Amino acid sequence: MENINLNRIWQSCQAQDKKSQAQLYSIFSKKMFVVCMRYAQTTLEAEDILQNGFIKVFTKHHLFDGKGSLEGWIKRIMVNTAIESYRQSKEKYTDSIGEQHENTIHSHLTSDTSSYKDLLKLIKELPLGYRTVFNLYAIEGYSHKEIAEMLGISEGNSKSQLSRARQALQQKLIKENTI
């Protein structure tokens, strides 16, 4: 979509125009849903994160200063909303941050597309804490210091969670390749 049209849509969103908000949602919802899925336990949870994230986009529109891309700003809101969801739900899940568990992998790595999907599946099978730190560090590009501040953990804990996530992924990939 042309930048001019996106700017016009965004200006109308800032004026609380519902039709423009629906257009903006339509433009970015699929990409942002993928971001939400990286942090969510279920599709339903990802949908909730997406919905809450877009509510923030539309109610906190005044915080976007026009520096950088609108898409990048929206993505940051989605990640922050996912982190809030993580904080709220980490007591609900029986998997503690440091607990590892084994899952059986049924798919085989057959092509680049399926390999990517299989890798995402393996990441989703990580315990919540491992997966969250892994996504923030390896995929979103945050530093351990930033992750520690976002999640309310120590920098050392962030590094440890990443290390354990990588080990778990390596073990799962080795196990997958021997099946």
N, C-alpha and C. Protein backbone atom coordinates (compact mmCIF):
# COMPACT_ATOMS: atom_id res chain seq x y z
N MET A 1 0.85 -1.18 0.00
CA MET A 1 0.00 0.00 0.00
C MET A 1 0.89 1.23 0.00
N GLU A 2 0.47 2.23 -0.72
CA GLU A 2 1.25 3.44 -0.80
C GLU A 2 1.29 4.15 0.54
N ASN A 3 2.42 4.76 0.80
CA ASN A 3 2.62 5.46 2.07
C ASN A 3 1.61 6.59 2.25
N ILE A 4 1.23 7.25 1.14
CA ILE A 4 0.28 8.36 1.21
C ILE A 4 -1.06 7.87 1.72
N ASN A 5 -1.54 6.74 1.18
CA ASN A 5 -2.82 6.19 1.63
C ASN A 5 -2.75 5.77 3.09
N LEU A 6 -1.64 5.16 3.49
CA LEU A 6 -1.48 4.74 4.88
C LEU A 6 -1.47 5.95 5.80
N ASN A 7 -0.80 7.02 5.38
CA ASN A 7 -0.79 8.25 6.19
C ASN A 7 -2.19 8.82 6.34
N ARG A 8 -2.96 8.79 5.26
CA ARG A 8 -4.33 9.30 5.29
C ARG A 8 -5.19 8.44 6.23
N ILE A 9 -5.02 7.12 6.11
CA ILE A 9 -5.78 6.21 6.98
C ILE A 9 -5.41 6.45 8.44
N TRP A 10 -4.11 6.61 8.71
CA TRP A 10 -3.65 6.82 10.09
C TRP A 10 -4.20 8.14 10.65
N GLN A 11 -4.21 9.18 9.84
CA GLN A 11 -4.75 10.46 10.30
C GLN A 11 -6.23 10.32 10.65
N SER A 12 -6.95 9.57 9.86
CA SER A 12 -8.37 9.34 10.14
C SER A 12 -8.54 8.48 11.39
N CYS A 13 -7.63 7.53 11.60
CA CYS A 13 -7.67 6.71 12.82
C CYS A 13 -7.48 7.59 14.05
N GLN A 14 -6.59 8.55 13.92
CA GLN A 14 -6.33 9.45 15.05
C GLN A 14 -7.57 10.29 15.37
N ALA A 15 -8.42 10.51 14.37
CA ALA A 15 -9.68 11.24 14.57
C ALA A 15 -10.80 10.29 14.99
N GLN A 16 -10.43 9.04 15.34
CA GLN A 16 -11.37 8.02 15.81
C GLN A 16 -12.38 7.59 14.75
N ASP A 17 -12.00 7.65 13.48
CA ASP A 17 -12.86 7.20 12.39
C ASP A 17 -12.86 5.67 12.36
N LYS A 18 -14.00 5.09 12.62
CA LYS A 18 -14.12 3.63 12.74
C LYS A 18 -13.79 2.91 11.43
N LYS A 19 -14.19 3.48 10.30
CA LYS A 19 -13.92 2.86 9.01
C LYS A 19 -12.40 2.80 8.76
N SER A 20 -11.70 3.86 9.09
CA SER A 20 -10.24 3.89 8.93
C SER A 20 -9.56 2.93 9.89
N GLN A 21 -10.10 2.82 11.10
CA GLN A 21 -9.54 1.87 12.06
C GLN A 21 -9.69 0.45 11.52
N ALA A 22 -10.83 0.17 10.92
CA ALA A 22 -11.05 -1.16 10.33
C ALA A 22 -10.07 -1.39 9.17
N GLN A 23 -9.81 -0.36 8.38
CA GLN A 23 -8.85 -0.49 7.28
C GLN A 23 -7.45 -0.75 7.81
N LEU A 24 -7.04 -0.01 8.84
CA LEU A 24 -5.71 -0.20 9.41
C LEU A 24 -5.58 -1.61 9.99
N TYR A 25 -6.62 -2.05 10.68
CA TYR A 25 -6.64 -3.41 11.21
C TYR A 25 -6.48 -4.42 10.08
N SER A 26 -7.20 -4.21 9.01
CA SER A 26 -7.14 -5.11 7.86
C SER A 26 -5.73 -5.16 7.25
N ILE A 27 -5.08 -4.01 7.21
CA ILE A 27 -3.74 -3.93 6.63
C ILE A 27 -2.71 -4.69 7.47
N PHE A 28 -2.79 -4.55 8.80
CA PHE A 28 -1.72 -5.07 9.66
C PHE A 28 -2.08 -6.31 10.49
N SER A 29 -3.33 -6.70 10.53
CA SER A 29 -3.72 -7.77 11.47
C SER A 29 -3.03 -9.10 11.20
N LYS A 30 -2.83 -9.48 9.95
CA LYS A 30 -2.21 -10.78 9.67
C LYS A 30 -0.76 -10.80 10.12
N LYS A 31 -0.01 -9.75 9.81
CA LYS A 31 1.39 -9.69 10.23
C LYS A 31 1.49 -9.67 11.76
N MET A 32 0.63 -8.91 12.40
CA MET A 32 0.69 -8.78 13.85
C MET A 32 0.21 -10.05 14.55
N PHE A 33 -0.69 -10.78 13.90
CA PHE A 33 -1.15 -12.04 14.47
C PHE A 33 0.03 -13.03 14.55
N VAL A 34 0.87 -13.02 13.54
CA VAL A 34 2.06 -13.88 13.55
C VAL A 34 2.96 -13.53 14.74
N VAL A 35 3.12 -12.24 14.99
CA VAL A 35 3.91 -11.79 16.14
C VAL A 35 3.26 -12.31 17.43
N CYS A 36 1.97 -12.14 17.55
CA CYS A 36 1.25 -12.58 18.75
C CYS A 36 1.36 -14.09 18.96
N MET A 37 1.31 -14.85 17.87
CA MET A 37 1.39 -16.31 17.97
C MET A 37 2.73 -16.77 18.55
N ARG A 38 3.78 -16.01 18.32
CA ARG A 38 5.09 -16.39 18.87
C ARG A 38 5.11 -16.37 20.39
N TYR A 39 4.23 -15.60 20.98
CA TYR A 39 4.21 -15.44 22.43
C TYR A 39 3.06 -16.18 23.11
N ALA A 40 2.05 -16.52 22.36
CA ALA A 40 0.84 -17.10 22.94
C ALA A 40 0.94 -18.62 23.06
N GLN A 41 0.20 -19.15 24.01
CA GLN A 41 0.10 -20.59 24.19
C GLN A 41 -0.87 -21.19 23.17
N THR A 42 -1.93 -20.43 22.87
CA THR A 42 -2.98 -20.92 21.98
C THR A 42 -3.35 -19.85 20.96
N THR A 43 -4.08 -20.26 19.94
CA THR A 43 -4.57 -19.32 18.94
C THR A 43 -5.52 -18.32 19.59
N LEU A 44 -6.34 -18.79 20.49
CA LEU A 44 -7.29 -17.92 21.20
C LEU A 44 -6.55 -16.84 21.98
N GLU A 45 -5.49 -17.22 22.66
CA GLU A 45 -4.69 -16.26 23.41
C GLU A 45 -4.04 -15.24 22.46
N ALA A 46 -3.56 -15.70 21.32
CA ALA A 46 -2.96 -14.80 20.33
C ALA A 46 -4.00 -13.81 19.82
N GLU A 47 -5.22 -14.28 19.60
CA GLU A 47 -6.30 -13.39 19.16
C GLU A 47 -6.60 -12.33 20.21
N ASP A 48 -6.59 -12.73 21.48
CA ASP A 48 -6.80 -11.77 22.58
C ASP A 48 -5.69 -10.72 22.61
N ILE A 49 -4.45 -11.17 22.46
CA ILE A 49 -3.32 -10.25 22.45
C ILE A 49 -3.45 -9.28 21.28
N LEU A 50 -3.81 -9.80 20.11
CA LEU A 50 -3.99 -8.97 18.92
C LEU A 50 -5.08 -7.92 19.16
N GLN A 51 -6.20 -8.36 19.69
CA GLN A 51 -7.32 -7.45 19.95
C GLN A 51 -6.92 -6.37 20.95
N ASN A 52 -6.32 -6.78 22.05
CA ASN A 52 -5.89 -5.81 23.07
C ASN A 52 -4.83 -4.87 22.51
N GLY A 53 -3.96 -5.39 21.68
CA GLY A 53 -2.93 -4.56 21.07
C GLY A 53 -3.52 -3.49 20.17
N PHE A 54 -4.49 -3.87 19.35
CA PHE A 54 -5.10 -2.87 18.47
C PHE A 54 -5.93 -1.86 19.25
N ILE A 55 -6.53 -2.27 20.35
CA ILE A 55 -7.22 -1.30 21.20
C ILE A 55 -6.23 -0.25 21.69
N LYS A 56 -5.03 -0.70 22.07
CA LYS A 56 -3.98 0.25 22.50
C LYS A 56 -3.53 1.14 21.35
N VAL A 57 -3.40 0.57 20.16
CA VAL A 57 -3.01 1.37 18.99
C VAL A 57 -4.00 2.51 18.80
N PHE A 58 -5.29 2.21 18.92
CA PHE A 58 -6.30 3.22 18.65
C PHE A 58 -6.52 4.18 19.82
N THR A 59 -6.26 3.74 21.04
CA THR A 59 -6.46 4.64 22.18
C THR A 59 -5.19 5.42 22.53
N LYS A 60 -4.04 4.93 22.11
CA LYS A 60 -2.79 5.61 22.41
C LYS A 60 -2.12 6.16 21.15
N HIS A 61 -2.95 6.44 20.15
CA HIS A 61 -2.45 6.93 18.86
C HIS A 61 -1.58 8.16 19.00
N HIS A 62 -1.84 8.98 20.02
CA HIS A 62 -1.07 10.21 20.22
C HIS A 62 0.40 9.94 20.59
N LEU A 63 0.71 8.71 20.99
CA LEU A 63 2.09 8.37 21.37
C LEU A 63 2.99 8.10 20.16
N PHE A 64 2.39 7.89 18.99
CA PHE A 64 3.20 7.69 17.79
C PHE A 64 3.65 9.05 17.29
N ASP A 65 4.95 9.27 17.32
CA ASP A 65 5.49 10.59 16.97
C ASP A 65 5.86 10.74 15.51
N GLY A 66 5.63 9.71 14.71
CA GLY A 66 5.93 9.79 13.29
C GLY A 66 7.36 9.44 12.95
N LYS A 67 8.19 9.25 13.96
CA LYS A 67 9.57 8.82 13.72
C LYS A 67 9.56 7.31 13.59
N GLY A 68 10.18 6.80 12.57
CA GLY A 68 10.14 5.36 12.33
C GLY A 68 8.84 5.00 11.61
N SER A 69 8.65 3.71 11.42
CA SER A 69 7.47 3.28 10.67
C SER A 69 6.30 3.02 11.60
N LEU A 70 5.12 3.26 11.08
CA LEU A 70 3.90 2.96 11.81
C LEU A 70 3.83 1.47 12.11
N GLU A 71 4.21 0.65 11.13
CA GLU A 71 4.19 -0.80 11.32
C GLU A 71 5.10 -1.21 12.48
N GLY A 72 6.28 -0.62 12.55
CA GLY A 72 7.20 -0.92 13.65
C GLY A 72 6.63 -0.53 14.99
N TRP A 73 5.95 0.60 15.04
CA TRP A 73 5.33 1.06 16.29
C TRP A 73 4.22 0.11 16.71
N ILE A 74 3.40 -0.31 15.74
CA ILE A 74 2.31 -1.25 16.04
C ILE A 74 2.89 -2.59 16.52
N LYS A 75 3.96 -3.05 15.87
CA LYS A 75 4.59 -4.31 16.27
C LYS A 75 5.09 -4.22 17.71
N ARG A 76 5.69 -3.10 18.07
CA ARG A 76 6.20 -2.92 19.43
C ARG A 76 5.04 -2.98 20.45
N ILE A 77 3.91 -2.40 20.08
CA ILE A 77 2.73 -2.46 20.96
C ILE A 77 2.28 -3.91 21.12
N MET A 78 2.29 -4.67 20.03
CA MET A 78 1.87 -6.08 20.09
C MET A 78 2.82 -6.88 21.00
N VAL A 79 4.11 -6.65 20.86
CA VAL A 79 5.09 -7.36 21.70
C VAL A 79 4.88 -6.98 23.17
N ASN A 80 4.70 -5.70 23.44
CA ASN A 80 4.48 -5.26 24.82
C ASN A 80 3.18 -5.81 25.38
N THR A 81 2.16 -5.90 24.56
CA THR A 81 0.88 -6.48 24.99
C THR A 81 1.06 -7.97 25.29
N ALA A 82 1.85 -8.65 24.47
CA ALA A 82 2.13 -10.07 24.72
C ALA A 82 2.90 -10.24 26.02
N ILE A 83 3.82 -9.34 26.30
CA ILE A 83 4.58 -9.42 27.56
C ILE A 83 3.65 -9.20 28.75
N GLU A 84 2.73 -8.25 28.63
CA GLU A 84 1.75 -8.04 29.70
C GLU A 84 0.93 -9.31 29.92
N SER A 85 0.53 -9.94 28.83
CA SER A 85 -0.23 -11.18 28.92
C SER A 85 0.60 -12.27 29.60
N TYR A 86 1.88 -12.32 29.24
CA TYR A 86 2.80 -13.28 29.86
C TYR A 86 2.86 -13.06 31.37
N ARG A 87 3.03 -11.82 31.77
CA ARG A 87 3.12 -11.51 33.21
C ARG A 87 1.85 -11.93 33.95
N GLN A 88 0.70 -11.66 33.32
CA GLN A 88 -0.57 -11.99 33.95
C GLN A 88 -0.81 -13.49 34.02
N SER A 89 -0.28 -14.22 33.06
CA SER A 89 -0.60 -15.64 32.99
C SER A 89 0.48 -16.56 33.53
N LYS A 90 1.66 -16.04 33.85
CA LYS A 90 2.73 -16.97 34.21
C LYS A 90 2.41 -17.77 35.47
N GLU A 91 1.57 -17.25 36.35
CA GLU A 91 1.17 -18.03 37.52
C GLU A 91 0.11 -19.08 37.17
N LYS A 92 -0.64 -18.81 36.08
CA LYS A 92 -1.71 -19.73 35.70
C LYS A 92 -1.19 -21.04 35.12
N TYR A 93 -0.04 -20.98 34.47
CA TYR A 93 0.48 -22.17 33.82
C TYR A 93 1.25 -23.03 34.82
N THR A 94 1.10 -24.32 34.70
CA THR A 94 1.77 -25.22 35.62
C THR A 94 3.24 -25.36 35.30
N ASP A 95 3.64 -25.01 34.08
CA ASP A 95 5.06 -25.04 33.72
C ASP A 95 5.74 -23.85 34.36
N SER A 96 6.70 -24.08 35.23
CA SER A 96 7.45 -22.98 35.79
C SER A 96 8.47 -22.52 34.76
N ILE A 97 9.02 -21.32 34.95
CA ILE A 97 9.96 -20.77 33.98
C ILE A 97 11.15 -21.70 33.81
N GLY A 98 11.63 -22.32 34.86
CA GLY A 98 12.82 -23.16 34.75
C GLY A 98 12.54 -24.61 34.44
N GLU A 99 11.29 -24.98 34.31
CA GLU A 99 10.95 -26.39 34.11
C GLU A 99 11.00 -26.76 32.64
N GLN A 100 11.63 -27.88 32.33
CA GLN A 100 11.64 -28.37 30.95
C GLN A 100 10.66 -29.54 30.86
N HIS A 101 10.06 -29.67 29.72
CA HIS A 101 9.22 -30.84 29.51
C HIS A 101 9.42 -31.32 28.08
N GLU A 102 9.19 -32.59 27.89
CA GLU A 102 9.39 -33.20 26.58
C GLU A 102 8.05 -33.35 25.87
N ASN A 103 8.03 -33.08 24.61
CA ASN A 103 6.86 -33.30 23.77
C ASN A 103 7.29 -34.17 22.60
N THR A 104 6.38 -34.97 22.13
CA THR A 104 6.69 -35.81 20.97
C THR A 104 6.47 -34.98 19.71
N ILE A 105 7.43 -35.06 18.83
CA ILE A 105 7.37 -34.35 17.56
C ILE A 105 6.94 -35.34 16.48
N HIS A 106 5.89 -35.00 15.75
CA HIS A 106 5.39 -35.92 14.75
C HIS A 106 5.76 -35.55 13.32
N SER A 107 6.13 -34.30 13.10
CA SER A 107 6.41 -33.89 11.73
C SER A 107 7.87 -34.12 11.38
N HIS A 108 8.15 -34.22 10.10
CA HIS A 108 9.51 -34.38 9.61
C HIS A 108 9.90 -33.16 8.81
N LEU A 109 11.16 -32.80 8.90
CA LEU A 109 11.64 -31.63 8.17
C LEU A 109 11.84 -32.02 6.71
N THR A 110 10.92 -31.58 5.85
CA THR A 110 10.96 -32.02 4.46
C THR A 110 11.26 -30.91 3.47
N SER A 111 10.91 -29.67 3.78
CA SER A 111 11.19 -28.57 2.86
C SER A 111 11.42 -27.32 3.67
N ASP A 112 11.88 -26.28 3.00
CA ASP A 112 12.14 -25.02 3.70
C ASP A 112 10.91 -24.50 4.42
N THR A 113 9.75 -24.52 3.76
CA THR A 113 8.52 -24.01 4.36
C THR A 113 8.12 -24.87 5.54
N SER A 114 8.15 -26.18 5.37
CA SER A 114 7.76 -27.03 6.49
C SER A 114 8.82 -26.99 7.57
N SER A 115 10.07 -26.79 7.23
CA SER A 115 11.12 -26.66 8.24
C SER A 115 10.86 -25.44 9.10
N TYR A 116 10.50 -24.34 8.46
CA TYR A 116 10.18 -23.11 9.19
C TYR A 116 9.00 -23.35 10.11
N LYS A 117 7.96 -23.98 9.59
CA LYS A 117 6.78 -24.27 10.41
C LYS A 117 7.12 -25.22 11.54
N ASP A 118 7.95 -26.21 11.25
CA ASP A 118 8.37 -27.15 12.29
C ASP A 118 9.18 -26.45 13.38
N LEU A 119 10.05 -25.52 12.96
CA LEU A 119 10.83 -24.76 13.94
C LEU A 119 9.91 -23.91 14.82
N LEU A 120 8.93 -23.26 14.20
CA LEU A 120 7.97 -22.48 15.00
C LEU A 120 7.20 -23.38 15.96
N LYS A 121 6.88 -24.58 15.50
CA LYS A 121 6.18 -25.54 16.37
C LYS A 121 7.07 -25.92 17.56
N LEU A 122 8.35 -26.17 17.28
CA LEU A 122 9.28 -26.51 18.35
C LEU A 122 9.41 -25.36 19.35
N ILE A 123 9.47 -24.14 18.84
CA ILE A 123 9.57 -22.97 19.73
C ILE A 123 8.31 -22.87 20.59
N LYS A 124 7.14 -23.10 20.00
CA LYS A 124 5.89 -23.04 20.76
C LYS A 124 5.82 -24.10 21.85
N GLU A 125 6.58 -25.20 21.67
CA GLU A 125 6.55 -26.27 22.66
C GLU A 125 7.46 -25.99 23.86
N LEU A 126 8.27 -24.94 23.75
CA LEU A 126 9.12 -24.58 24.88
C LEU A 126 8.26 -24.09 26.04
N PRO A 127 8.74 -24.27 27.27
CA PRO A 127 8.01 -23.68 28.41
C PRO A 127 7.87 -22.17 28.20
N LEU A 128 6.84 -21.60 28.76
CA LEU A 128 6.47 -20.20 28.54
C LEU A 128 7.65 -19.24 28.74
N GLY A 129 8.39 -19.37 29.81
CA GLY A 129 9.50 -18.46 30.08
C GLY A 129 10.61 -18.57 29.05
N TYR A 130 10.97 -19.80 28.69
CA TYR A 130 12.01 -20.02 27.69
C TYR A 130 11.59 -19.38 26.36
N ARG A 131 10.33 -19.66 25.96
CA ARG A 131 9.83 -19.19 24.68
C ARG A 131 9.79 -17.67 24.63
N THR A 132 9.35 -17.05 25.71
CA THR A 132 9.24 -15.60 25.74
C THR A 132 10.61 -14.95 25.60
N VAL A 133 11.59 -15.41 26.37
CA VAL A 133 12.93 -14.84 26.29
C VAL A 133 13.54 -15.12 24.92
N PHE A 134 13.38 -16.34 24.41
CA PHE A 134 13.92 -16.69 23.10
C PHE A 134 13.35 -15.76 22.02
N ASN A 135 12.04 -15.58 22.02
CA ASN A 135 11.41 -14.71 21.02
C ASN A 135 11.90 -13.28 21.13
N LEU A 136 11.96 -12.76 22.36
CA LEU A 136 12.39 -11.38 22.53
C LEU A 136 13.84 -11.18 22.10
N TYR A 137 14.70 -12.14 22.39
CA TYR A 137 16.12 -12.00 22.07
C TYR A 137 16.43 -12.37 20.62
N ALA A 138 16.06 -13.57 20.23
CA ALA A 138 16.46 -14.09 18.93
C ALA A 138 15.62 -13.56 17.77
N ILE A 139 14.37 -13.27 18.02
CA ILE A 139 13.50 -12.86 16.92
C ILE A 139 13.26 -11.35 16.93
N GLU A 140 12.96 -10.78 18.09
CA GLU A 140 12.68 -9.34 18.16
C GLU A 140 13.94 -8.49 18.29
N GLY A 141 15.05 -9.09 18.75
CA GLY A 141 16.32 -8.36 18.81
C GLY A 141 16.54 -7.53 20.06
N TYR A 142 15.81 -7.80 21.13
CA TYR A 142 16.02 -7.06 22.38
C TYR A 142 17.28 -7.56 23.07
N SER A 143 17.89 -6.70 23.87
CA SER A 143 19.07 -7.09 24.66
C SER A 143 18.59 -7.77 25.94
N HIS A 144 19.51 -8.46 26.61
CA HIS A 144 19.15 -9.11 27.88
C HIS A 144 18.73 -8.08 28.92
N LYS A 145 19.36 -6.92 28.89
CA LYS A 145 18.98 -5.86 29.83
C LYS A 145 17.54 -5.42 29.59
N GLU A 146 17.18 -5.22 28.32
CA GLU A 146 15.81 -4.81 27.98
C GLU A 146 14.81 -5.90 28.35
N ILE A 147 15.16 -7.14 28.08
CA ILE A 147 14.28 -8.27 28.41
C ILE A 147 14.07 -8.35 29.92
N ALA A 148 15.14 -8.20 30.67
CA ALA A 148 15.06 -8.25 32.13
C ALA A 148 14.10 -7.17 32.64
N GLU A 149 14.21 -5.98 32.10
CA GLU A 149 13.32 -4.88 32.52
C GLU A 149 11.88 -5.16 32.14
N MET A 150 11.66 -5.67 30.93
CA MET A 150 10.29 -5.94 30.46
C MET A 150 9.61 -7.03 31.28
N LEU A 151 10.35 -8.08 31.60
CA LEU A 151 9.76 -9.24 32.27
C LEU A 151 9.89 -9.19 33.79
N GLY A 152 10.63 -8.23 34.29
CA GLY A 152 10.81 -8.13 35.74
C GLY A 152 11.68 -9.25 36.29
N ILE A 153 12.71 -9.63 35.52
CA ILE A 153 13.65 -10.67 35.95
C ILE A 153 15.06 -10.09 35.89
N SER A 154 16.03 -10.83 36.38
CA SER A 154 17.41 -10.35 36.31
C SER A 154 17.98 -10.59 34.92
N GLU A 155 19.02 -9.85 34.59
CA GLU A 155 19.70 -10.03 33.31
C GLU A 155 20.28 -11.44 33.22
N GLY A 156 20.81 -11.93 34.32
CA GLY A 156 21.36 -13.29 34.37
C GLY A 156 20.28 -14.33 34.11
N ASN A 157 19.10 -14.10 34.65
CA ASN A 157 17.99 -15.02 34.44
C ASN A 157 17.60 -15.02 32.96
N SER A 158 17.62 -13.85 32.33
CA SER A 158 17.32 -13.77 30.90
C SER A 158 18.33 -14.59 30.10
N LYS A 159 19.60 -14.44 30.42
CA LYS A 159 20.65 -15.18 29.71
C LYS A 159 20.49 -16.68 29.94
N SER A 160 20.17 -17.05 31.16
CA SER A 160 19.99 -18.46 31.50
C SER A 160 18.79 -19.05 30.75
N GLN A 161 17.68 -18.31 30.70
CA GLN A 161 16.49 -18.78 29.99
C GLN A 161 16.78 -18.96 28.50
N LEU A 162 17.54 -18.03 27.92
CA LEU A 162 17.90 -18.15 26.51
C LEU A 162 18.77 -19.38 26.28
N SER A 163 19.73 -19.57 27.14
CA SER A 163 20.62 -20.72 27.01
C SER A 163 19.83 -22.03 27.10
N ARG A 164 18.94 -22.10 28.07
CA ARG A 164 18.13 -23.31 28.24
C ARG A 164 17.18 -23.51 27.06
N ALA A 165 16.64 -22.41 26.53
CA ALA A 165 15.76 -22.52 25.36
C ALA A 165 16.53 -23.07 24.17
N ARG A 166 17.74 -22.56 23.96
CA ARG A 166 18.56 -23.05 22.85
C ARG A 166 18.90 -24.52 23.02
N GLN A 167 19.25 -24.92 24.25
CA GLN A 167 19.56 -26.33 24.52
C GLN A 167 18.35 -27.21 24.23
N ALA A 168 17.20 -26.77 24.71
CA ALA A 168 15.98 -27.55 24.49
C ALA A 168 15.67 -27.68 23.01
N LEU A 169 15.84 -26.58 22.26
CA LEU A 169 15.59 -26.63 20.82
C LEU A 169 16.58 -27.56 20.12
N GLN A 170 17.85 -27.50 20.52
CA GLN A 170 18.86 -28.38 19.93
C GLN A 170 18.51 -29.84 20.19
N GLN A 171 18.12 -30.16 21.43
CA GLN A 171 17.75 -31.53 21.76
C GLN A 171 16.54 -31.99 20.95
N LYS A 172 15.57 -31.11 20.80
CA LYS A 172 14.38 -31.47 20.02
C LYS A 172 14.73 -31.65 18.55
N LEU A 173 15.61 -30.82 18.01
CA LEU A 173 16.01 -30.96 16.61
C LEU A 173 16.81 -32.24 16.39
N ILE A 174 17.69 -32.57 17.33
CA ILE A 174 18.44 -33.82 17.23
C ILE A 174 17.50 -35.01 17.30
N LYS A 175 16.57 -34.94 18.23
CA LYS A 175 15.59 -36.02 18.38
C LYS A 175 14.76 -36.15 17.09
N GLU A 176 14.36 -35.02 16.52
CA GLU A 176 13.56 -35.02 15.29
C GLU A 176 14.32 -35.65 14.14
N ASN A 177 15.59 -35.34 14.04
CA ASN A 177 16.39 -35.85 12.92
C ASN A 177 16.73 -37.34 13.06
N THR A 178 16.54 -37.88 14.26
CA THR A 178 16.82 -39.31 14.45
C THR A 178 15.55 -40.15 14.36
N ILE A 179 14.39 -39.50 14.24
CA ILE A 179 13.12 -40.25 14.15
C ILE A 179 13.00 -40.83 12.77
